[in-house]
Amino acid sequence: MKRIATCLLLSLGFVASALLTGCNTMRGIGQDVQRAGSAVENAAKK
């Protein structure tokens, strides 16, 4: 039982840190996707 609790706490900590880090990077990912979409759109217009 103690091992399960330890694994659960470690997993929750990992997920929490990943989510908090993701908040800072989602804006950058959105900008990259937007630029990629613009490049595809411009290529399609040519």
Protein backbone atom coordinates (compact mmCIF):
# COMPACT_ATOMS: atom_id res chain seq x y z
CA MET A 1 0.00 0.00 0.00
CA LYS A 2 2.81 2.38 0.85
CA ARG A 3 4.46 1.72 -2.52
CA ILE A 4 1.24 2.54 -4.38
CA ALA A 5 0.87 5.80 -2.47
CA THR A 6 4.45 6.77 -3.25
CA CYS A 7 3.99 6.04 -6.95
CA LEU A 8 0.74 8.00 -6.98
CA LEU A 9 2.32 11.03 -5.33
CA LEU A 10 5.28 10.97 -7.71
CA SER A 11 2.95 10.70 -10.69
CA LEU A 12 0.82 13.60 -9.48
CA GLY A 13 3.91 15.71 -8.91
CA PHE A 14 5.16 14.97 -12.41
CA VAL A 15 1.80 15.81 -13.98
CA ALA A 16 1.54 19.04 -11.98
CA SER A 17 5.03 20.17 -13.00
CA ALA A 18 4.35 19.30 -16.64
CA LEU A 19 1.12 21.33 -16.61
CA LEU A 20 2.75 24.33 -14.97
CA THR A 21 5.62 24.25 -17.45
CA GLY A 22 3.17 23.81 -20.31
CA CYS A 23 1.41 27.06 -19.43
CA ASN A 24 4.54 28.99 -20.35
CA THR A 25 5.20 27.11 -23.58
CA MET A 26 1.66 26.91 -25.02
CA ARG A 27 1.83 30.52 -26.18
CA GLY A 28 5.06 29.80 -28.05
CA ILE A 29 3.61 26.66 -29.60
CA GLY A 30 0.55 28.60 -30.73
CA GLN A 31 2.74 31.20 -32.40
CA ASP A 32 4.77 28.50 -34.18
CA VAL A 33 1.62 26.80 -35.45
CA GLN A 34 0.26 30.13 -36.64
CA ARG A 35 3.47 30.89 -38.55
CA ALA A 36 3.46 27.43 -40.11
CA GLY A 37 -0.15 27.93 -41.19
CA SER A 38 0.71 31.29 -42.72
CA ALA A 39 3.60 29.74 -44.64
CA VAL A 40 1.31 27.01 -46.02
CA GLU A 41 -1.31 29.60 -46.94
CA ASN A 42 1.25 31.76 -48.73
CA ALA A 43 2.61 28.76 -50.62
CA ALA A 44 -0.91 27.83 -51.70
CA LYS A 45 -1.54 31.35 -53.03
CA LYS A 46 1.52 31.19 -55.31
